[in-house]
Amino acid sequence: MVNLELFRVFYTVAKCGSLTKAAEDLYISQPAVSQAIKQLEGQLGGKLFNRTHRGMELSETGGKQIFSYVEKALKLFDEAESKYSELKDTATGVVKICASDTVSTHFLLPYIKKYHEKYPDVNLILQNCTSAETIELLRTKKGNVGFVNLPIDDSEINLLSNVMQLHDTFVCSERFIELTKDTVDLKRLQDYPLLMLELSTATRQAIVGFAHSHGIHLHPEIELASLELMTELAKNGIGIACIPREFVMHELNEEKSLLEIKTNPALPTRAIGMALPKDENLTFAVKEFIKLIDEE
C-alpha cells in the first residue's frame, strides 16, 4: 500500500504547480518533494507530472486521472483527523462507573451532579457492584472507572488514588444507651444483637478479620445487603449496626436518631480507592470525570 504522505505531496505539487512552492507549503526540502514524486510514480507504475517551463503539470494519462480521487481521499482523512482531535477535547459518549450503592449515595452523588451539569451530552451509567464485582468489570474492560475498598493487590487493574477515608463504628438507638456512656470493651458487643453487612462484602470481612485478630467473634443477628436498611433498623432499636461513621453523620449530629458506641480497641480506618482498567486508552469524558474527583 502506498504511503499516504506520498499522495499528500502529489496533491500539493499539483495544486501549487511547482516543486519549490510545494516544498514551502509542506515544510520540507525541494529534493525531498522531487524524490517523493519519483517514489510515488515508481509504486504506481506511471508518470504523474510533465515538467514544463511553467512548472509541474499533471500528465493526461496519469496525474489527471487520479487527482480528484486523491483530493477526496485527503479531505476525508483530514476530516477524520479533525473529528478525532475534536473528540479528544469534547466530553461525549458513555462513562461506566462501578461502585456500591452506598459509595454512590454518600460519596459520588455530588460529583455526578456536577459532572452532568458540565457535560450533559455524556451518558453516565452507574453499575451497582461490590468491590470484587467492580474489579472484575475493570479487568474485562466493562467498566471505565471503579471505586473499591482498599487495600487491594491486583496487577490487572490500575489503582489511581485513595478518595475517601472510612471510620467503621457501632451505632444504636436509645434502646442501648448504656453502651454510649463510656468506651466499652469491643468483646462486650458479642452479647448484643448486631446488624452487619453480608459476609461476602469487603466491609464485613475487614471488620470480622480485625475482631478475630483480637480473639473476638462478632456474629450478627441480622445480615443485610444495604447500609441504608441497616441504618433504619438501628434507628428503630432492632440492633446495633456496624457502619462507617461518614455514612451516618446526619443521623448522629442532626437527627440525633443514632448514638455512637466507642470501643476499645476501635475499628481500624479503611479507605475507598478509585481504579481503572489496566492499559486502557481513556476518552476525554473519562479523563474529565477522574479530574473532577482528583481536584476535590
Protein backbone atom coordinates (compact mmCIF):
# COMPACT_ATOMS: atom_id res chain seq x y z
CA MET A 1 0.00 0.00 0.00
CA VAL A 2 1.29 3.47 -0.93
CA ASN A 3 2.25 5.78 1.94
CA LEU A 4 -0.48 8.40 2.43
CA GLU A 5 2.15 11.15 2.70
CA LEU A 6 3.27 10.47 -0.87
CA PHE A 7 -0.25 11.24 -2.08
CA ARG A 8 -0.24 14.40 0.05
CA VAL A 9 2.98 15.52 -1.66
CA PHE A 10 1.44 14.69 -5.06
CA TYR A 11 -1.66 16.74 -4.25
CA THR A 12 0.34 19.72 -3.00
CA VAL A 13 2.58 19.76 -6.09
CA ALA A 14 -0.48 19.56 -8.33
CA LYS A 15 -2.15 22.48 -6.53
CA CYS A 16 0.99 24.61 -6.44
CA GLY A 17 2.25 23.69 -9.91
CA SER A 18 5.77 23.95 -8.58
CA LEU A 19 8.20 21.80 -6.63
CA THR A 20 9.57 24.85 -4.87
CA LYS A 21 6.17 26.17 -3.73
CA ALA A 22 5.08 22.68 -2.70
CA ALA A 23 8.22 22.29 -0.59
CA GLU A 24 7.45 25.58 1.14
CA ASP A 25 3.85 24.53 1.87
CA LEU A 26 4.96 21.12 3.16
CA TYR A 27 7.92 22.48 5.14
CA ILE A 28 10.32 20.03 3.52
CA SER A 29 13.16 20.43 1.04
CA GLN A 30 12.64 20.59 -2.73
CA PRO A 31 14.77 17.44 -3.30
CA ALA A 32 12.56 15.62 -0.80
CA VAL A 33 9.45 16.66 -2.77
CA SER A 34 11.04 15.55 -6.05
CA GLN A 35 12.06 12.21 -4.51
CA ALA A 36 8.54 11.63 -3.15
CA ILE A 37 7.02 12.17 -6.60
CA LYS A 38 9.51 9.75 -8.16
CA GLN A 39 8.76 7.19 -5.47
CA LEU A 40 5.01 7.50 -5.99
CA GLU A 41 5.37 7.21 -9.76
CA GLY A 42 7.51 4.12 -9.27
CA GLN A 43 4.97 2.48 -6.98
CA LEU A 44 2.01 3.31 -9.23
CA GLY A 45 3.91 2.39 -12.38
CA GLY A 46 3.29 5.54 -14.40
CA LYS A 47 4.16 9.18 -14.93
CA LEU A 48 2.15 11.68 -12.89
CA PHE A 49 3.59 15.02 -13.99
CA ASN A 50 5.00 16.69 -17.05
CA ARG A 51 7.81 19.08 -16.29
CA THR A 52 7.41 22.28 -18.36
CA HIS A 53 8.93 25.75 -18.35
CA ARG A 54 5.86 26.87 -16.34
CA GLY A 55 6.42 24.25 -13.70
CA MET A 56 4.72 20.93 -12.94
CA GLU A 57 1.62 19.91 -14.89
CA LEU A 58 -0.46 16.79 -14.32
CA SER A 59 0.00 14.18 -17.04
CA GLU A 60 -3.06 13.37 -19.12
CA THR A 61 -2.90 9.59 -18.60
CA GLY A 62 -1.64 9.60 -15.02
CA GLY A 63 -1.91 12.59 -12.74
CA LYS A 64 -5.19 13.97 -14.10
CA GLN A 65 -6.80 10.54 -13.81
CA ILE A 66 -6.19 10.21 -10.09
CA PHE A 67 -6.18 13.84 -8.89
CA SER A 68 -9.89 14.07 -7.99
CA TYR A 69 -9.76 10.75 -6.10
CA VAL A 70 -6.68 11.80 -4.14
CA GLU A 71 -8.30 15.17 -3.34
CA LYS A 72 -11.45 13.48 -1.98
CA ALA A 73 -9.44 10.91 -0.03
CA LEU A 74 -7.21 13.51 1.61
CA LYS A 75 -10.24 15.60 2.51
CA LEU A 76 -11.82 12.59 4.21
CA PHE A 77 -8.60 11.85 6.11
CA ASP A 78 -8.35 15.48 7.20
CA GLU A 79 -11.97 15.45 8.35
CA ALA A 80 -11.36 12.22 10.29
CA GLU A 81 -8.27 13.71 11.94
CA SER A 82 -10.18 16.89 12.78
CA LYS A 83 -13.08 14.90 14.21
CA TYR A 84 -10.77 12.78 16.34
CA SER A 85 -9.00 15.88 17.62
CA GLU A 86 -12.39 17.38 18.46
CA LEU A 87 -13.47 14.24 20.32
CA LYS A 88 -10.28 14.29 22.40
CA ASP A 89 -11.35 17.65 23.76
CA THR A 90 -15.09 17.07 23.92
CA ALA A 91 -16.93 15.07 26.55
CA THR A 92 -19.34 12.80 24.69
CA GLY A 93 -20.20 9.12 24.71
CA VAL A 94 -20.53 6.89 27.77
CA VAL A 95 -18.80 6.72 31.14
CA LYS A 96 -19.46 3.49 33.05
CA ILE A 97 -18.96 3.94 36.80
CA CYS A 98 -18.76 0.88 39.06
CA ALA A 99 -19.49 1.41 42.76
CA SER A 100 -21.69 0.23 45.57
CA ASP A 101 -24.99 2.00 46.22
CA THR A 102 -23.54 3.35 49.45
CA VAL A 103 -20.46 4.86 47.81
CA SER A 104 -22.65 6.30 45.04
CA THR A 105 -25.07 7.86 47.52
CA HIS A 106 -22.65 9.12 50.17
CA PHE A 107 -19.62 9.98 48.05
CA LEU A 108 -20.22 10.10 44.31
CA LEU A 109 -23.58 11.86 44.18
CA PRO A 110 -22.28 15.47 44.28
CA TYR A 111 -19.58 14.66 41.71
CA ILE A 112 -22.08 13.02 39.38
CA LYS A 113 -24.38 16.04 39.67
CA LYS A 114 -21.54 18.47 38.94
CA TYR A 115 -20.22 16.38 36.04
CA HIS A 116 -23.67 16.01 34.46
CA GLU A 117 -24.23 19.76 34.65
CA LYS A 118 -20.89 20.42 32.96
CA TYR A 119 -21.12 17.63 30.35
CA PRO A 120 -24.83 16.90 29.71
CA ASP A 121 -24.05 15.01 26.48
CA VAL A 122 -22.21 12.25 28.35
CA ASN A 123 -24.30 9.20 29.22
CA LEU A 124 -23.36 8.19 32.77
CA ILE A 125 -24.05 4.54 33.62
CA LEU A 126 -23.88 3.68 37.33
CA GLN A 127 -23.31 -0.02 37.92
CA ASN A 128 -24.10 -1.19 41.46
CA CYS A 129 -21.24 -3.54 42.39
CA THR A 130 -19.30 -4.95 45.31
CA SER A 131 -15.55 -4.36 45.28
CA ALA A 132 -14.96 -7.85 43.86
CA GLU A 133 -17.53 -7.29 41.10
CA THR A 134 -16.05 -3.87 40.34
CA ILE A 135 -12.55 -5.34 39.95
CA GLU A 136 -13.88 -7.98 37.56
CA LEU A 137 -15.67 -5.37 35.43
CA LEU A 138 -12.48 -3.32 35.22
CA ARG A 139 -10.42 -6.39 34.30
CA THR A 140 -12.78 -7.22 31.44
CA LYS A 141 -12.99 -3.57 30.28
CA LYS A 142 -16.73 -3.46 31.03
CA GLY A 143 -16.32 -0.51 33.35
CA ASN A 144 -14.44 2.76 32.87
CA VAL A 145 -13.96 3.87 36.48
CA GLY A 146 -14.40 1.83 39.66
CA PHE A 147 -14.49 2.56 43.38
CA VAL A 148 -13.25 -0.25 45.62
CA ASN A 149 -12.50 -0.96 49.24
CA LEU A 150 -8.79 -0.80 50.00
CA PRO A 151 -6.37 -2.43 50.26
CA ILE A 152 -6.35 -4.40 47.02
CA ASP A 153 -3.50 -6.17 45.27
CA ASP A 154 -4.39 -6.82 41.66
CA SER A 155 -1.91 -6.29 38.82
CA GLU A 156 -4.73 -6.40 36.25
CA ILE A 157 -6.21 -3.05 37.25
CA ASN A 158 -4.74 0.41 37.73
CA LEU A 159 -5.32 1.86 41.20
CA LEU A 160 -5.25 5.66 40.93
CA SER A 161 -5.80 7.14 44.36
CA ASN A 162 -7.38 6.98 47.79
CA VAL A 163 -10.51 9.10 47.50
CA MET A 164 -12.28 8.61 50.83
CA GLN A 165 -11.40 7.58 54.37
CA LEU A 166 -13.88 5.36 56.24
CA HIS A 167 -14.10 5.03 60.02
CA ASP A 168 -16.19 1.99 60.91
CA THR A 169 -18.05 2.34 64.18
CA PHE A 170 -21.00 0.95 66.09
CA VAL A 171 -24.24 2.94 66.32
CA CYS A 172 -27.51 2.32 68.10
CA SER A 173 -30.79 3.87 69.22
CA GLU A 174 -31.55 4.92 72.78
CA ARG A 175 -32.50 1.30 73.49
CA PHE A 176 -28.78 0.60 74.04
CA ILE A 177 -27.91 4.00 75.54
CA GLU A 178 -25.98 2.37 78.40
CA LEU A 179 -23.26 1.43 75.89
CA THR A 180 -22.75 5.04 74.84
CA LYS A 181 -21.87 6.49 78.27
CA ASP A 182 -18.22 5.46 78.11
CA THR A 183 -15.77 3.48 75.98
CA VAL A 184 -16.70 -0.21 76.11
CA ASP A 185 -14.65 -3.32 75.50
CA LEU A 186 -15.22 -4.49 71.92
CA LYS A 187 -15.69 -8.02 73.24
CA ARG A 188 -18.74 -6.88 75.17
CA LEU A 189 -20.67 -6.34 71.93
CA GLN A 190 -20.65 -10.12 71.36
CA ASP A 191 -23.57 -10.27 73.78
CA TYR A 192 -25.76 -7.79 71.86
CA PRO A 193 -27.84 -8.10 68.68
CA LEU A 194 -25.58 -6.92 65.89
CA LEU A 195 -26.51 -5.71 62.42
CA MET A 196 -23.81 -6.21 59.79
CA LEU A 197 -23.36 -6.44 56.07
CA GLU A 198 -23.26 -9.82 54.35
CA LEU A 199 -20.08 -11.86 54.80
CA SER A 200 -19.28 -11.61 51.07
CA THR A 201 -18.66 -7.85 51.34
CA ALA A 202 -15.18 -6.39 51.82
CA THR A 203 -16.52 -4.25 54.68
CA ARG A 204 -17.75 -7.22 56.68
CA GLN A 205 -14.59 -9.21 56.01
CA ALA A 206 -12.39 -6.34 57.21
CA ILE A 207 -14.36 -5.97 60.46
CA VAL A 208 -14.54 -9.70 61.18
CA GLY A 209 -10.85 -10.13 60.40
CA PHE A 210 -9.90 -7.33 62.77
CA ALA A 211 -12.10 -8.72 65.55
CA HIS A 212 -10.67 -12.23 65.11
CA SER A 213 -7.15 -10.84 65.40
CA HIS A 214 -8.12 -9.75 68.93
CA GLY A 215 -9.79 -13.05 69.79
CA ILE A 216 -13.27 -11.57 69.41
CA HIS A 217 -16.02 -13.23 67.40
CA LEU A 218 -18.74 -10.88 66.21
CA HIS A 219 -21.75 -12.83 65.00
CA PRO A 220 -24.57 -10.64 63.63
CA GLU A 221 -28.17 -11.38 64.46
CA ILE A 222 -29.20 -9.89 61.12
CA GLU A 223 -27.15 -9.71 57.91
CA LEU A 224 -28.07 -7.18 55.23
CA ALA A 225 -27.01 -6.14 51.74
CA SER A 226 -27.84 -2.48 52.28
CA LEU A 227 -26.30 0.05 54.68
CA GLU A 228 -29.38 2.22 54.29
CA LEU A 229 -31.65 -0.55 55.57
CA MET A 230 -29.19 -1.33 58.36
CA THR A 231 -29.33 2.32 59.43
CA GLU A 232 -33.12 2.26 59.58
CA LEU A 233 -33.14 -0.95 61.63
CA ALA A 234 -30.65 0.56 64.06
CA LYS A 235 -32.74 3.72 64.39
CA ASN A 236 -35.73 1.53 65.26
CA GLY A 237 -33.85 -0.31 68.01
CA ILE A 238 -33.65 -3.66 66.23
CA GLY A 239 -29.94 -3.96 66.93
CA ILE A 240 -26.51 -2.32 66.94
CA ALA A 241 -25.22 -1.50 63.49
CA CYS A 242 -21.59 -1.59 62.41
CA ILE A 243 -21.30 1.14 59.81
CA PRO A 244 -18.84 3.80 58.58
CA ARG A 245 -19.31 6.98 60.60
CA GLU A 246 -19.13 9.03 57.37
CA PHE A 247 -22.38 7.44 56.19
CA VAL A 248 -24.46 8.27 59.28
CA MET A 249 -23.24 11.77 60.14
CA HIS A 250 -26.72 13.21 59.59
CA GLU A 251 -28.32 10.68 61.94
CA LEU A 252 -25.63 11.23 64.59
CA ASN A 253 -25.29 15.01 64.50
CA GLU A 254 -28.53 16.46 63.15
CA GLU A 255 -31.35 13.98 63.62
CA LYS A 256 -29.67 12.54 66.71
CA SER A 257 -31.61 9.38 65.93
CA LEU A 258 -28.45 7.33 66.40
CA LEU A 259 -25.82 7.26 69.13
CA GLU A 260 -22.21 6.17 68.70
CA ILE A 261 -20.66 3.39 70.75
CA LYS A 262 -16.93 3.90 71.26
CA THR A 263 -14.99 0.66 71.62
CA ASN A 264 -11.60 -0.48 72.80
CA PRO A 265 -9.97 -1.35 70.50
CA ALA A 266 -11.56 0.94 67.95
CA LEU A 267 -12.13 -0.48 64.50
CA PRO A 268 -9.33 0.44 62.05
CA THR A 269 -9.65 3.13 59.43
CA ARG A 270 -10.39 1.90 55.92
CA ALA A 271 -10.40 3.67 52.57
CA ILE A 272 -12.13 3.77 49.21
CA GLY A 273 -9.87 3.87 46.15
CA MET A 274 -10.50 4.88 42.54
CA ALA A 275 -9.37 2.33 39.96
CA LEU A 276 -9.24 1.99 36.17
CA PRO A 277 -8.84 -0.83 33.67
CA LYS A 278 -5.19 -1.70 33.03
CA ASP A 279 -3.61 -0.09 29.93
CA GLU A 280 -6.89 1.48 28.85
CA ASN A 281 -6.84 4.37 26.36
CA LEU A 282 -9.01 6.83 28.27
CA THR A 283 -11.54 9.02 26.46
CA PHE A 284 -11.72 12.72 27.18
CA ALA A 285 -15.03 12.15 29.00
CA VAL A 286 -13.45 9.61 31.37
CA LYS A 287 -10.39 11.82 31.93
CA GLU A 288 -12.65 14.74 32.89
CA PHE A 289 -14.56 12.58 35.39
CA ILE A 290 -11.30 11.45 37.01
CA LYS A 291 -10.05 15.04 37.05
CA LEU A 292 -13.22 16.17 38.82
CA ILE A 293 -12.72 13.59 41.58
CA ASP A 294 -9.00 14.32 41.99
CA GLU A 295 -9.45 18.09 42.17
CA GLU A 296 -11.69 17.97 45.23
